[in-house]
Amino acid sequence: MNLDKNINMDFGGGDVRRLPIYLLLDTSGSMAGAPIEAVNQGVTLLYNELMNDPSAIETCYIAVITFSSDAKITVPMTELTKFTPPRLQAGGTTALGDALRLLNSSLDKDIRANSPTQKGDYKPLVFLMTDGQPTDSWERPADEIKLRTKQKVASIIALGCGGGVDVNTLKRITEIVLLMDTVTPDQITQYFKWVSQSVSKASVAVQAAPGAGEARADLPPPPSGIQVVL
């Protein structure tokens, strides 16, 4: 399936520039047990896969934002080679609104803009994963985040896990929504493999592009059991 609308990156040539990756991970109580263990293994898998990719090593920086009863920066924006997969635990409610507000402020703080003395970062990739509905005020930060995608400031991919997810909520955040109907450790593992493939493809695309203009990196087809919500 072609998802070429998902990632468009504007850049100039020259020195290596950062490709920022954000993982927004739901660690609420409904993720306890096998799901959160699978997420922990999935983040480690993602790290290991990217560490075997020279393009990713050269360009990728990763940040992890987790949310349960509140949101926090579990890992600040870190160079891939210095990244350590965190050990996540599940509990509490689903403060998605807090997570989106924290993402908004992180994008403002983390992302380097073009200047006369340095080239700015490539457009960030944000992977949001949640299995429930927000338990806090989320509408305004969702609209602010979606505005960033319309302005091509960030590419956001949202994954809803299971029947407790309101797809319309995710659609208010981004047009790129995936749905995992049956949440199993294997499905979560397959999702993180897909994330690693997506990031690798993007890191190759931004390095292979001409000195000026736009690079396009298409997301690979999602794995079996995960569908694109149109």
C-alpha atoms as a PDB file:
ATOM      1  CA  MET A   1       0.000   0.000   0.000  1.00  0.00           C
ATOM      2  CA  ASN A   2       1.384   3.393  -0.965  1.00  0.00           C
ATOM      3  CA  LEU A   3       1.340   5.889   1.879  1.00  0.00           C
ATOM      4  CA  ASP A   4       3.337   8.517   0.019  1.00  0.00           C
ATOM      5  CA  LYS A   5       1.349  11.365   1.534  1.00  0.00           C
ATOM      6  CA  ASN A   6       2.870  10.537   4.889  1.00  0.00           C
ATOM      7  CA  ILE A   7       6.431  11.786   4.779  1.00  0.00           C
ATOM      8  CA  ASN A   8       7.676  14.776   2.790  1.00  0.00           C
ATOM      9  CA  MET A   9      11.001  16.256   3.818  1.00  0.00           C
ATOM     10  CA  ASP A  10      12.369  19.605   2.674  1.00  0.00           C
ATOM     11  CA  PHE A  11      16.097  20.199   2.966  1.00  0.00           C
ATOM     12  CA  GLY A  12      19.256  21.534   1.401  1.00  0.00           C
ATOM     13  CA  GLY A  13      22.510  19.744   0.697  1.00  0.00           C
ATOM     14  CA  GLY A  14      25.794  19.706   2.546  1.00  0.00           C
ATOM     15  CA  ASP A  15      26.560  18.464   6.019  1.00  0.00           C
ATOM     16  CA  VAL A  16      24.701  15.653   7.754  1.00  0.00           C
ATOM     17  CA  ARG A  17      21.503  16.795   9.406  1.00  0.00           C
ATOM     18  CA  ARG A  18      19.439  15.186  12.124  1.00  0.00           C
ATOM     19  CA  LEU A  19      16.322  13.113  11.516  1.00  0.00           C
ATOM     20  CA  PRO A  20      14.403  13.422  14.815  1.00  0.00           C
ATOM     21  CA  ILE A  21      12.197  10.476  15.832  1.00  0.00           C
ATOM     22  CA  TYR A  22       9.609  10.753  18.620  1.00  0.00           C
ATOM     23  CA  LEU A  23       7.922   7.733  20.222  1.00  0.00           C
ATOM     24  CA  LEU A  24       4.715   8.683  22.095  1.00  0.00           C
ATOM     25  CA  LEU A  25       3.836   5.570  24.072  1.00  0.00           C
ATOM     26  CA  ASP A  26       0.713   4.862  26.122  1.00  0.00           C
ATOM     27  CA  THR A  27       1.745   3.369  29.477  1.00  0.00           C
ATOM     28  CA  SER A  28      -1.687   3.471  31.132  1.00  0.00           C
ATOM     29  CA  GLY A  29      -2.997   0.638  33.282  1.00  0.00           C
ATOM     30  CA  SER A  30      -4.698  -1.102  30.374  1.00  0.00           C
ATOM     31  CA  MET A  31      -1.243  -1.727  28.897  1.00  0.00           C
ATOM     32  CA  ALA A  32      -0.086  -3.658  31.979  1.00  0.00           C
ATOM     33  CA  GLY A  33       1.266  -7.188  31.652  1.00  0.00           C
ATOM     34  CA  ALA A  34       2.067  -8.691  28.269  1.00  0.00           C
ATOM     35  CA  PRO A  35       1.365  -5.492  26.236  1.00  0.00           C
ATOM     36  CA  ILE A  36       3.876  -3.281  28.081  1.00  0.00           C
ATOM     37  CA  GLU A  37       6.450  -6.070  28.037  1.00  0.00           C
ATOM     38  CA  ALA A  38       5.979  -6.297  24.278  1.00  0.00           C
ATOM     39  CA  VAL A  39       6.412  -2.523  23.987  1.00  0.00           C
ATOM     40  CA  ASN A  40       9.658  -2.726  25.964  1.00  0.00           C
ATOM     41  CA  GLN A  41      10.903  -5.465  23.668  1.00  0.00           C
ATOM     42  CA  GLY A  42       9.687  -3.505  20.651  1.00  0.00           C
ATOM     43  CA  VAL A  43      11.628  -0.359  21.537  1.00  0.00           C
ATOM     44  CA  THR A  44      14.752  -2.487  22.036  1.00  0.00           C
ATOM     45  CA  LEU A  45      14.126  -4.175  18.688  1.00  0.00           C
ATOM     46  CA  LEU A  46      13.741  -0.766  17.031  1.00  0.00           C
ATOM     47  CA  TYR A  47      17.044   0.385  18.513  1.00  0.00           C
ATOM     48  CA  ASN A  48      18.873  -2.779  17.457  1.00  0.00           C
ATOM     49  CA  GLU A  49      17.489  -2.642  13.922  1.00  0.00           C
ATOM     50  CA  LEU A  50      18.487   0.995  13.471  1.00  0.00           C
ATOM     51  CA  MET A  51      21.949   0.348  14.882  1.00  0.00           C
ATOM     52  CA  ASN A  52      22.456  -2.058  11.974  1.00  0.00           C
ATOM     53  CA  ASP A  53      21.576   0.671   9.462  1.00  0.00           C
ATOM     54  CA  PRO A  54      24.461   3.027   8.570  1.00  0.00           C
ATOM     55  CA  SER A  55      22.092   5.732   7.301  1.00  0.00           C
ATOM     56  CA  ALA A  56      20.102   5.664  10.534  1.00  0.00           C
ATOM     57  CA  ILE A  57      23.276   5.777  12.628  1.00  0.00           C
ATOM     58  CA  GLU A  58      24.360   8.877  10.747  1.00  0.00           C
ATOM     59  CA  THR A  59      21.096  10.817  10.940  1.00  0.00           C
ATOM     60  CA  CYS A  60      18.670   9.522  13.591  1.00  0.00           C
ATOM     61  CA  TYR A  61      17.992  11.001  17.014  1.00  0.00           C
ATOM     62  CA  ILE A  62      15.289   9.482  19.233  1.00  0.00           C
ATOM     63  CA  ALA A  63      13.071  10.832  22.024  1.00  0.00           C
ATOM     64  CA  VAL A  64      10.532   8.870  24.076  1.00  0.00           C
ATOM     65  CA  ILE A  65       7.455  10.506  25.625  1.00  0.00           C
ATOM     66  CA  THR A  66       5.262   8.270  27.785  1.00  0.00           C
ATOM     67  CA  PHE A  67       1.818   9.011  29.134  1.00  0.00           C
ATOM     68  CA  SER A  68      -0.419   7.483  31.793  1.00  0.00           C
ATOM     69  CA  SER A  69      -1.973   9.703  34.486  1.00  0.00           C
ATOM     70  CA  ASP A  70       0.386  12.387  33.222  1.00  0.00           C
ATOM     71  CA  ALA A  71       3.017  12.675  30.503  1.00  0.00           C
ATOM     72  CA  LYS A  72       6.776  12.844  30.798  1.00  0.00           C
ATOM     73  CA  ILE A  73       9.878  12.891  28.661  1.00  0.00           C
ATOM     74  CA  THR A  74      11.255   9.457  29.462  1.00  0.00           C
ATOM     75  CA  VAL A  75      14.196   9.870  27.077  1.00  0.00           C
ATOM     76  CA  PRO A  76      15.094  13.348  25.758  1.00  0.00           C
ATOM     77  CA  MET A  77      16.178  13.753  22.137  1.00  0.00           C
ATOM     78  CA  THR A  78      19.296  11.563  21.970  1.00  0.00           C
ATOM     79  CA  GLU A  79      21.703  10.546  19.244  1.00  0.00           C
ATOM     80  CA  LEU A  80      20.950   6.975  18.162  1.00  0.00           C
ATOM     81  CA  THR A  81      24.363   5.639  19.171  1.00  0.00           C
ATOM     82  CA  LYS A  82      23.879   7.051  22.696  1.00  0.00           C
ATOM     83  CA  PHE A  83      20.254   5.961  23.091  1.00  0.00           C
ATOM     84  CA  THR A  84      19.370   3.409  25.778  1.00  0.00           C
ATOM     85  CA  PRO A  85      15.920   1.776  25.487  1.00  0.00           C
ATOM     86  CA  PRO A  86      14.004   2.669  28.660  1.00  0.00           C
ATOM     87  CA  ARG A  87      12.296   0.156  30.923  1.00  0.00           C
ATOM     88  CA  LEU A  88       8.615   1.105  30.849  1.00  0.00           C
ATOM     89  CA  GLN A  89       5.942   0.222  33.398  1.00  0.00           C
ATOM     90  CA  ALA A  90       2.182   0.544  33.018  1.00  0.00           C
ATOM     91  CA  GLY A  91      -0.367   2.080  35.373  1.00  0.00           C
ATOM     92  CA  GLY A  92      -2.814   4.954  35.689  1.00  0.00           C
ATOM     93  CA  THR A  93      -5.110   6.684  33.216  1.00  0.00           C
ATOM     94  CA  THR A  94      -4.582   7.992  29.669  1.00  0.00           C
ATOM     95  CA  ALA A  95      -3.388  11.613  29.646  1.00  0.00           C
ATOM     96  CA  LEU A  96      -3.115  11.911  25.883  1.00  0.00           C
ATOM     97  CA  GLY A  97      -3.706  15.653  26.024  1.00  0.00           C
ATOM     98  CA  ASP A  98      -0.694  16.104  28.315  1.00  0.00           C
ATOM     99  CA  ALA A  99       1.384  13.987  25.926  1.00  0.00           C
ATOM    100  CA  LEU A 100       0.408  16.136  22.938  1.00  0.00           C
ATOM    101  CA  ARG A 101       1.169  19.340  24.849  1.00  0.00           C
ATOM    102  CA  LEU A 102       4.557  17.917  25.798  1.00  0.00           C
ATOM    103  CA  LEU A 103       5.188  16.904  22.199  1.00  0.00           C
ATOM    104  CA  ASN A 104       4.325  20.413  21.037  1.00  0.00           C
ATOM    105  CA  SER A 105       6.752  22.017  23.468  1.00  0.00           C
ATOM    106  CA  SER A 106       9.431  19.425  22.665  1.00  0.00           C
ATOM    107  CA  LEU A 107       9.173  20.132  18.947  1.00  0.00           C
ATOM    108  CA  ASP A 108       9.617  23.836  19.663  1.00  0.00           C
ATOM    109  CA  LYS A 109      12.628  23.187  21.894  1.00  0.00           C
ATOM    110  CA  ASP A 110      14.331  20.278  20.133  1.00  0.00           C
ATOM    111  CA  ILE A 111      14.097  20.972  16.419  1.00  0.00           C
ATOM    112  CA  ARG A 112      16.835  23.052  14.868  1.00  0.00           C
ATOM    113  CA  ALA A 113      15.644  25.557  12.292  1.00  0.00           C
ATOM    114  CA  ASN A 114      17.652  26.691   9.281  1.00  0.00           C
ATOM    115  CA  SER A 115      19.930  29.621  10.012  1.00  0.00           C
ATOM    116  CA  PRO A 116      22.811  31.408   8.264  1.00  0.00           C
ATOM    117  CA  THR A 117      25.279  29.273  10.243  1.00  0.00           C
ATOM    118  CA  GLN A 118      23.613  25.833  10.286  1.00  0.00           C
ATOM    119  CA  LYS A 119      21.201  23.663   8.351  1.00  0.00           C
ATOM    120  CA  GLY A 120      18.030  22.780  10.178  1.00  0.00           C
ATOM    121  CA  ASP A 121      16.830  19.300  11.056  1.00  0.00           C
ATOM    122  CA  TYR A 122      14.837  17.124   8.702  1.00  0.00           C
ATOM    123  CA  LYS A 123      11.135  16.998   9.375  1.00  0.00           C
ATOM    124  CA  PRO A 124      10.535  14.909  12.529  1.00  0.00           C
ATOM    125  CA  LEU A 125       8.711  11.579  12.473  1.00  0.00           C
ATOM    126  CA  VAL A 126       6.310  11.019  15.370  1.00  0.00           C
ATOM    127  CA  PHE A 127       4.941   7.546  16.159  1.00  0.00           C
ATOM    128  CA  LEU A 128       2.003   7.642  18.598  1.00  0.00           C
ATOM    129  CA  MET A 129       0.748   4.384  20.125  1.00  0.00           C
ATOM    130  CA  THR A 130      -2.327   4.196  22.381  1.00  0.00           C
ATOM    131  CA  ASP A 131      -4.893   1.597  23.411  1.00  0.00           C
ATOM    132  CA  GLY A 132      -7.595   3.777  24.961  1.00  0.00           C
ATOM    133  CA  GLN A 133      -9.482   7.044  24.971  1.00  0.00           C
ATOM    134  CA  PRO A 134      -8.066  10.202  26.539  1.00  0.00           C
ATOM    135  CA  THR A 135      -8.939  10.854  30.173  1.00  0.00           C
ATOM    136  CA  ASP A 136      -7.878  14.506  30.107  1.00  0.00           C
ATOM    137  CA  SER A 137      -8.484  17.579  27.969  1.00  0.00           C
ATOM    138  CA  TRP A 138      -6.989  16.737  24.590  1.00  0.00           C
ATOM    139  CA  GLU A 139      -8.860  18.592  21.847  1.00  0.00           C
ATOM    140  CA  ARG A 140      -6.864  21.835  21.758  1.00  0.00           C
ATOM    141  CA  PRO A 141      -3.398  20.181  21.787  1.00  0.00           C
ATOM    142  CA  ALA A 142      -4.643  17.726  19.151  1.00  0.00           C
ATOM    143  CA  ASP A 143      -5.644  20.621  16.894  1.00  0.00           C
ATOM    144  CA  GLU A 144      -2.279  22.322  17.475  1.00  0.00           C
ATOM    145  CA  ILE A 145      -0.414  19.134  16.577  1.00  0.00           C
ATOM    146  CA  LYS A 146      -2.493  18.571  13.445  1.00  0.00           C
ATOM    147  CA  LEU A 147      -1.759  22.119  12.349  1.00  0.00           C
ATOM    148  CA  ARG A 148       1.935  21.204  12.378  1.00  0.00           C
ATOM    149  CA  THR A 149       1.271  18.358   9.942  1.00  0.00           C
ATOM    150  CA  LYS A 150      -0.656  20.678   7.623  1.00  0.00           C
ATOM    151  CA  GLN A 151       2.260  23.101   7.720  1.00  0.00           C
ATOM    152  CA  LYS A 152       4.623  20.153   7.032  1.00  0.00           C
ATOM    153  CA  VAL A 153       6.482  20.765  10.278  1.00  0.00           C
ATOM    154  CA  ALA A 154       6.168  17.133  11.404  1.00  0.00           C
ATOM    155  CA  SER A 155       4.865  13.785  10.142  1.00  0.00           C
ATOM    156  CA  ILE A 156       2.700  12.021  12.725  1.00  0.00           C
ATOM    157  CA  ILE A 157       1.621   8.386  12.513  1.00  0.00           C
ATOM    158  CA  ALA A 158      -0.921   7.221  15.108  1.00  0.00           C
ATOM    159  CA  LEU A 159      -1.567   3.577  15.994  1.00  0.00           C
ATOM    160  CA  GLY A 160      -4.726   2.629  17.844  1.00  0.00           C
ATOM    161  CA  CYS A 161      -4.517  -0.717  19.637  1.00  0.00           C
ATOM    162  CA  GLY A 162      -7.709  -2.670  20.198  1.00  0.00           C
ATOM    163  CA  GLY A 163     -11.403  -1.909  20.411  1.00  0.00           C
ATOM    164  CA  GLY A 164     -11.100   0.740  23.127  1.00  0.00           C
ATOM    165  CA  VAL A 165      -9.672   3.313  20.720  1.00  0.00           C
ATOM    166  CA  ASP A 166     -11.795   6.061  19.187  1.00  0.00           C
ATOM    167  CA  VAL A 167     -10.510   6.419  15.638  1.00  0.00           C
ATOM    168  CA  ASN A 168     -12.061   9.882  15.375  1.00  0.00           C
ATOM    169  CA  THR A 169      -9.840  11.031  18.236  1.00  0.00           C
ATOM    170  CA  LEU A 170      -6.741   9.883  16.383  1.00  0.00           C
ATOM    171  CA  LYS A 171      -8.002  11.442  13.151  1.00  0.00           C
ATOM    172  CA  ARG A 172      -8.210  14.770  14.947  1.00  0.00           C
ATOM    173  CA  ILE A 173      -4.470  14.467  15.636  1.00  0.00           C
ATOM    174  CA  THR A 174      -3.313  13.239  12.213  1.00  0.00           C
ATOM    175  CA  GLU A 175      -4.620  11.909   8.914  1.00  0.00           C
ATOM    176  CA  ILE A 176      -2.230   8.954   9.165  1.00  0.00           C
ATOM    177  CA  VAL A 177      -3.986   6.467  11.427  1.00  0.00           C
ATOM    178  CA  LEU A 178      -3.363   2.740  11.780  1.00  0.00           C
ATOM    179  CA  LEU A 179      -5.521   0.290  13.721  1.00  0.00           C
ATOM    180  CA  MET A 180      -4.450  -2.954  15.384  1.00  0.00           C
ATOM    181  CA  ASP A 181      -7.647  -4.921  15.939  1.00  0.00           C
ATOM    182  CA  THR A 182      -6.170  -7.710  18.076  1.00  0.00           C
ATOM    183  CA  VAL A 183      -3.485  -6.626  20.525  1.00  0.00           C
ATOM    184  CA  THR A 184      -0.967  -9.413  21.039  1.00  0.00           C
ATOM    185  CA  PRO A 185       2.758  -9.352  21.856  1.00  0.00           C
ATOM    186  CA  ASP A 186       3.502 -10.609  18.344  1.00  0.00           C
ATOM    187  CA  GLN A 187       1.449  -7.820  16.747  1.00  0.00           C
ATOM    188  CA  ILE A 188       3.230  -5.211  18.850  1.00  0.00           C
ATOM    189  CA  THR A 189       6.583  -6.684  17.830  1.00  0.00           C
ATOM    190  CA  GLN A 190       5.558  -6.561  14.181  1.00  0.00           C
ATOM    191  CA  TYR A 191       4.549  -2.933  14.615  1.00  0.00           C
ATOM    192  CA  PHE A 192       7.968  -1.936  15.954  1.00  0.00           C
ATOM    193  CA  LYS A 193       9.636  -3.805  13.103  1.00  0.00           C
ATOM    194  CA  TRP A 194       7.512  -1.711  10.776  1.00  0.00           C
ATOM    195  CA  VAL A 195       8.553   1.472  12.605  1.00  0.00           C
ATOM    196  CA  SER A 196      12.216   0.526  12.152  1.00  0.00           C
ATOM    197  CA  GLN A 197      11.633  -0.091   8.436  1.00  0.00           C
ATOM    198  CA  SER A 198       9.874   3.268   8.124  1.00  0.00           C
ATOM    199  CA  VAL A 199      12.673   5.136   9.874  1.00  0.00           C
ATOM    200  CA  SER A 200      15.361   3.346   7.854  1.00  0.00           C
ATOM    201  CA  LYS A 201      13.590   4.175   4.620  1.00  0.00           C
ATOM    202  CA  ALA A 202      13.311   7.828   5.626  1.00  0.00           C
ATOM    203  CA  SER A 203      16.962   8.053   6.661  1.00  0.00           C
ATOM    204  CA  VAL A 204      18.068   6.652   3.307  1.00  0.00           C
ATOM    205  CA  ALA A 205      15.748   9.012   1.423  1.00  0.00           C
ATOM    206  CA  VAL A 206      16.981  12.188   3.069  1.00  0.00           C
ATOM    207  CA  GLN A 207      20.615  11.288   2.387  1.00  0.00           C
ATOM    208  CA  ALA A 208      20.007  10.225  -1.206  1.00  0.00           C
ATOM    209  CA  ALA A 209      18.138  13.386  -2.182  1.00  0.00           C
ATOM    210  CA  PRO A 210      19.643  16.175  -4.312  1.00  0.00           C
ATOM    211  CA  GLY A 211      21.258  19.247  -2.818  1.00  0.00           C
ATOM    212  CA  ALA A 212      18.043  21.207  -2.739  1.00  0.00           C
ATOM    213  CA  GLY A 213      14.375  20.467  -2.982  1.00  0.00           C
ATOM    214  CA  GLU A 214      12.194  17.785  -1.463  1.00  0.00           C
ATOM    215  CA  ALA A 215      12.791  14.142  -0.615  1.00  0.00           C
ATOM    216  CA  ARG A 216       9.870  11.781  -0.463  1.00  0.00           C
ATOM    217  CA  ALA A 217       9.948   8.627   1.623  1.00  0.00           C
ATOM    218  CA  ASP A 218       6.937   6.319   1.400  1.00  0.00           C
ATOM    219  CA  LEU A 219       5.980   4.354   4.471  1.00  0.00           C
ATOM    220  CA  PRO A 220       6.153   0.612   3.835  1.00  0.00           C
ATOM    221  CA  PRO A 221       2.897  -1.362   3.931  1.00  0.00           C
ATOM    222  CA  PRO A 222       1.879  -2.098   7.539  1.00  0.00           C
ATOM    223  CA  PRO A 223       2.178  -5.696   8.741  1.00  0.00           C
ATOM    224  CA  SER A 224      -0.685  -8.167   8.650  1.00  0.00           C
ATOM    225  CA  GLY A 225      -3.235  -7.415  11.341  1.00  0.00           C
ATOM    226  CA  ILE A 226      -2.668  -3.641  11.210  1.00  0.00           C
ATOM    227  CA  GLN A 227      -4.844  -1.680   8.825  1.00  0.00           C
ATOM    228  CA  VAL A 228      -4.732   1.856   7.504  1.00  0.00           C
ATOM    229  CA  VAL A 229      -7.802   3.866   8.484  1.00  0.00           C
ATOM    230  CA  LEU A 230      -8.955   5.880   5.477  1.00  0.00           C
END
